[in-house]
Amino acid sequence: MSNQMNQVVQEYALLADLYAQMMEKVKDSTAWDAKEPGHVQKVICLIEQAGETEQRAIDAIKQAFPETIGNRFEDIGLR
């Protein structure tokens, strides 16, 4: 596997972990019911981290397959 694909795999593994953390926080109804001040902020932070992680994964995919992705813009049948 290429270095770029290793990065893609690592980024999506991190994304899966961030998602699991988000779901854990969201399912913690006690914290929501108590309106713990840091709870919502933690979920927001995890969502921001997930967005940045996904963008890094997308960028790594674009680097791994630049020619293939570039070719699709010229041929409508490949879109």
N, C-alpha and C. Protein backbone atom coordinates (compact mmCIF):
# COMPACT_ATOMS: atom_id res chain seq x y z
N MET A 1 0.85 -1.17 0.00
CA MET A 1 0.00 0.00 0.00
C MET A 1 0.90 1.24 0.00
N SER A 2 0.51 2.24 -0.76
CA SER A 2 1.30 3.46 -0.88
C SER A 2 1.22 4.30 0.39
N ASN A 3 2.17 5.22 0.52
CA ASN A 3 2.17 6.12 1.69
C ASN A 3 0.90 6.96 1.74
N GLN A 4 0.44 7.42 0.56
CA GLN A 4 -0.78 8.23 0.54
C GLN A 4 -1.98 7.41 1.02
N MET A 5 -2.05 6.16 0.61
CA MET A 5 -3.17 5.33 1.03
C MET A 5 -3.07 5.00 2.51
N ASN A 6 -1.86 4.84 3.02
CA ASN A 6 -1.69 4.65 4.46
C ASN A 6 -2.25 5.85 5.22
N GLN A 7 -1.98 7.04 4.70
CA GLN A 7 -2.49 8.25 5.33
C GLN A 7 -4.01 8.28 5.28
N VAL A 8 -4.59 7.88 4.15
CA VAL A 8 -6.05 7.84 4.02
C VAL A 8 -6.64 6.90 5.07
N VAL A 9 -6.05 5.72 5.18
CA VAL A 9 -6.53 4.73 6.15
C VAL A 9 -6.41 5.27 7.57
N GLN A 10 -5.29 5.90 7.88
CA GLN A 10 -5.10 6.46 9.22
C GLN A 10 -6.11 7.57 9.52
N GLU A 11 -6.34 8.43 8.54
CA GLU A 11 -7.28 9.53 8.75
C GLU A 11 -8.70 9.01 8.97
N TYR A 12 -9.09 8.00 8.17
CA TYR A 12 -10.44 7.47 8.35
C TYR A 12 -10.57 6.65 9.64
N ALA A 13 -9.49 6.03 10.10
CA ALA A 13 -9.51 5.35 11.40
C ALA A 13 -9.69 6.39 12.51
N LEU A 14 -8.99 7.51 12.40
CA LEU A 14 -9.15 8.60 13.37
C LEU A 14 -10.57 9.15 13.30
N LEU A 15 -11.10 9.30 12.10
CA LEU A 15 -12.47 9.79 11.93
C LEU A 15 -13.47 8.86 12.61
N ALA A 16 -13.28 7.55 12.45
CA ALA A 16 -14.16 6.58 13.10
C ALA A 16 -14.08 6.70 14.62
N ASP A 17 -12.87 6.92 15.14
CA ASP A 17 -12.69 7.09 16.57
C ASP A 17 -13.40 8.37 17.06
N LEU A 18 -13.25 9.45 16.31
CA LEU A 18 -13.91 10.70 16.68
C LEU A 18 -15.43 10.53 16.67
N TYR A 19 -15.93 9.80 15.69
CA TYR A 19 -17.37 9.55 15.62
C TYR A 19 -17.84 8.76 16.85
N ALA A 20 -17.06 7.75 17.23
CA ALA A 20 -17.41 6.96 18.41
C ALA A 20 -17.43 7.83 19.66
N GLN A 21 -16.46 8.73 19.76
CA GLN A 21 -16.43 9.65 20.91
C GLN A 21 -17.65 10.57 20.90
N MET A 22 -18.02 11.05 19.71
CA MET A 22 -19.20 11.91 19.61
C MET A 22 -20.45 11.17 20.06
N MET A 23 -20.61 9.94 19.59
CA MET A 23 -21.79 9.16 19.95
C MET A 23 -21.83 8.87 21.44
N GLU A 24 -20.67 8.65 22.02
CA GLU A 24 -20.60 8.42 23.47
C GLU A 24 -21.09 9.66 24.23
N LYS A 25 -20.65 10.84 23.78
CA LYS A 25 -21.07 12.08 24.42
C LYS A 25 -22.56 12.33 24.21
N VAL A 26 -23.03 12.09 23.00
CA VAL A 26 -24.44 12.34 22.68
C VAL A 26 -25.36 11.40 23.48
N LYS A 27 -24.91 10.17 23.68
CA LYS A 27 -25.74 9.20 24.40
C LYS A 27 -25.71 9.39 25.91
N ASP A 28 -24.83 10.25 26.39
CA ASP A 28 -24.73 10.52 27.83
C ASP A 28 -25.86 11.47 28.24
N SER A 29 -27.05 10.91 28.39
CA SER A 29 -28.23 11.74 28.65
C SER A 29 -28.15 12.47 29.98
N THR A 30 -27.44 11.90 30.94
CA THR A 30 -27.31 12.56 32.24
C THR A 30 -26.63 13.91 32.08
N ALA A 31 -25.55 13.95 31.29
CA ALA A 31 -24.84 15.21 31.07
C ALA A 31 -25.71 16.20 30.32
N TRP A 32 -26.49 15.73 29.35
CA TRP A 32 -27.38 16.62 28.61
C TRP A 32 -28.45 17.17 29.54
N ASP A 33 -29.05 16.28 30.34
CA ASP A 33 -30.12 16.70 31.24
C ASP A 33 -29.62 17.71 32.28
N ALA A 34 -28.38 17.53 32.72
CA ALA A 34 -27.81 18.42 33.72
C ALA A 34 -27.27 19.70 33.08
N LYS A 35 -27.27 19.71 31.75
CA LYS A 35 -26.75 20.87 31.00
C LYS A 35 -25.33 21.23 31.43
N GLU A 36 -24.50 20.18 31.53
CA GLU A 36 -23.10 20.39 31.90
C GLU A 36 -22.46 21.33 30.88
N PRO A 37 -21.83 22.40 31.34
CA PRO A 37 -21.30 23.43 30.44
C PRO A 37 -20.30 22.91 29.41
N GLY A 38 -19.42 22.03 29.81
CA GLY A 38 -18.39 21.57 28.90
C GLY A 38 -18.84 20.48 27.95
N HIS A 39 -20.00 19.89 28.21
CA HIS A 39 -20.44 18.75 27.42
C HIS A 39 -20.72 19.13 25.97
N VAL A 40 -21.51 20.16 25.76
CA VAL A 40 -21.84 20.60 24.41
C VAL A 40 -20.57 21.08 23.71
N GLN A 41 -19.72 21.80 24.44
CA GLN A 41 -18.48 22.29 23.84
C GLN A 41 -17.59 21.14 23.38
N LYS A 42 -17.56 20.05 24.15
CA LYS A 42 -16.76 18.88 23.76
C LYS A 42 -17.29 18.27 22.47
N VAL A 43 -18.60 18.18 22.34
CA VAL A 43 -19.19 17.64 21.10
C VAL A 43 -18.86 18.55 19.92
N ILE A 44 -18.95 19.85 20.12
CA ILE A 44 -18.61 20.79 19.06
C ILE A 44 -17.15 20.62 18.64
N CYS A 45 -16.28 20.49 19.61
CA CYS A 45 -14.85 20.30 19.33
C CYS A 45 -14.62 19.01 18.54
N LEU A 46 -15.29 17.94 18.92
CA LEU A 46 -15.15 16.66 18.20
C LEU A 46 -15.65 16.79 16.77
N ILE A 47 -16.74 17.51 16.56
CA ILE A 47 -17.26 17.71 15.20
C ILE A 47 -16.26 18.50 14.36
N GLU A 48 -15.66 19.53 14.95
CA GLU A 48 -14.64 20.31 14.23
C GLU A 48 -13.44 19.44 13.88
N GLN A 49 -12.99 18.62 14.82
CA GLN A 49 -11.86 17.72 14.57
C GLN A 49 -12.21 16.73 13.46
N ALA A 50 -13.44 16.23 13.47
CA ALA A 50 -13.88 15.28 12.45
C ALA A 50 -13.86 15.93 11.07
N GLY A 51 -14.32 17.17 10.98
CA GLY A 51 -14.31 17.88 9.70
C GLY A 51 -12.90 18.07 9.17
N GLU A 52 -11.98 18.45 10.05
CA GLU A 52 -10.58 18.63 9.64
C GLU A 52 -9.95 17.30 9.23
N THR A 53 -10.27 16.24 9.97
CA THR A 53 -9.73 14.91 9.67
C THR A 53 -10.24 14.43 8.32
N GLU A 54 -11.52 14.60 8.07
CA GLU A 54 -12.08 14.17 6.79
C GLU A 54 -11.46 14.95 5.64
N GLN A 55 -11.23 16.24 5.82
CA GLN A 55 -10.61 17.03 4.76
C GLN A 55 -9.20 16.52 4.47
N ARG A 56 -8.44 16.16 5.52
CA ARG A 56 -7.10 15.61 5.31
C ARG A 56 -7.18 14.29 4.55
N ALA A 57 -8.17 13.47 4.85
CA ALA A 57 -8.34 12.20 4.14
C ALA A 57 -8.68 12.44 2.67
N ILE A 58 -9.55 13.37 2.40
CA ILE A 58 -9.92 13.70 1.02
C ILE A 58 -8.70 14.23 0.27
N ASP A 59 -7.93 15.09 0.91
CA ASP A 59 -6.71 15.61 0.27
C ASP A 59 -5.73 14.50 -0.03
N ALA A 60 -5.61 13.52 0.88
CA ALA A 60 -4.71 12.39 0.66
C ALA A 60 -5.19 11.53 -0.50
N ILE A 61 -6.50 11.36 -0.64
CA ILE A 61 -7.05 10.61 -1.78
C ILE A 61 -6.73 11.34 -3.07
N LYS A 62 -6.89 12.65 -3.07
CA LYS A 62 -6.58 13.43 -4.27
C LYS A 62 -5.11 13.31 -4.65
N GLN A 63 -4.23 13.26 -3.66
CA GLN A 63 -2.79 13.10 -3.94
C GLN A 63 -2.48 11.70 -4.43
N ALA A 64 -3.19 10.71 -3.90
CA ALA A 64 -2.93 9.32 -4.30
C ALA A 64 -3.39 9.03 -5.72
N PHE A 65 -4.46 9.69 -6.15
CA PHE A 65 -5.04 9.42 -7.47
C PHE A 65 -5.24 10.69 -8.29
N PRO A 66 -4.24 11.54 -8.41
CA PRO A 66 -4.46 12.82 -9.11
C PRO A 66 -4.82 12.65 -10.58
N GLU A 67 -4.18 11.71 -11.24
CA GLU A 67 -4.40 11.53 -12.66
C GLU A 67 -5.82 11.00 -12.91
N THR A 68 -6.23 10.02 -12.14
CA THR A 68 -7.55 9.43 -12.31
C THR A 68 -8.64 10.46 -12.04
N ILE A 69 -8.49 11.21 -10.95
CA ILE A 69 -9.50 12.22 -10.61
C ILE A 69 -9.53 13.31 -11.67
N GLY A 70 -8.36 13.75 -12.12
CA GLY A 70 -8.28 14.78 -13.15
C GLY A 70 -8.91 14.34 -14.45
N ASN A 71 -8.75 13.09 -14.82
CA ASN A 71 -9.31 12.58 -16.07
C ASN A 71 -10.83 12.59 -16.08
N ARG A 72 -11.45 12.47 -14.97
CA ARG A 72 -12.91 12.39 -14.90
C ARG A 72 -13.59 13.71 -15.28
N PHE A 73 -12.87 14.80 -15.16
CA PHE A 73 -13.50 16.09 -15.48
C PHE A 73 -13.67 16.26 -16.99
N GLU A 74 -12.88 15.57 -17.78
CA GLU A 74 -12.94 15.71 -19.23
C GLU A 74 -13.96 14.77 -19.87
N ASP A 75 -14.29 13.67 -19.20
CA ASP A 75 -15.17 12.67 -19.79
C ASP A 75 -16.44 12.56 -18.95
N ILE A 76 -17.52 13.06 -19.46
CA ILE A 76 -18.77 13.08 -18.70
C ILE A 76 -19.24 11.69 -18.32
N GLY A 77 -18.85 10.69 -19.08
CA GLY A 77 -19.23 9.31 -18.79
C GLY A 77 -18.56 8.75 -17.55
N LEU A 78 -17.46 9.36 -17.13
CA LEU A 78 -16.74 8.89 -15.95
C LEU A 78 -17.11 9.64 -14.68
N ARG A 79 -17.99 10.60 -14.78
CA ARG A 79 -18.38 11.38 -13.60
C ARG A 79 -19.33 10.64 -12.72
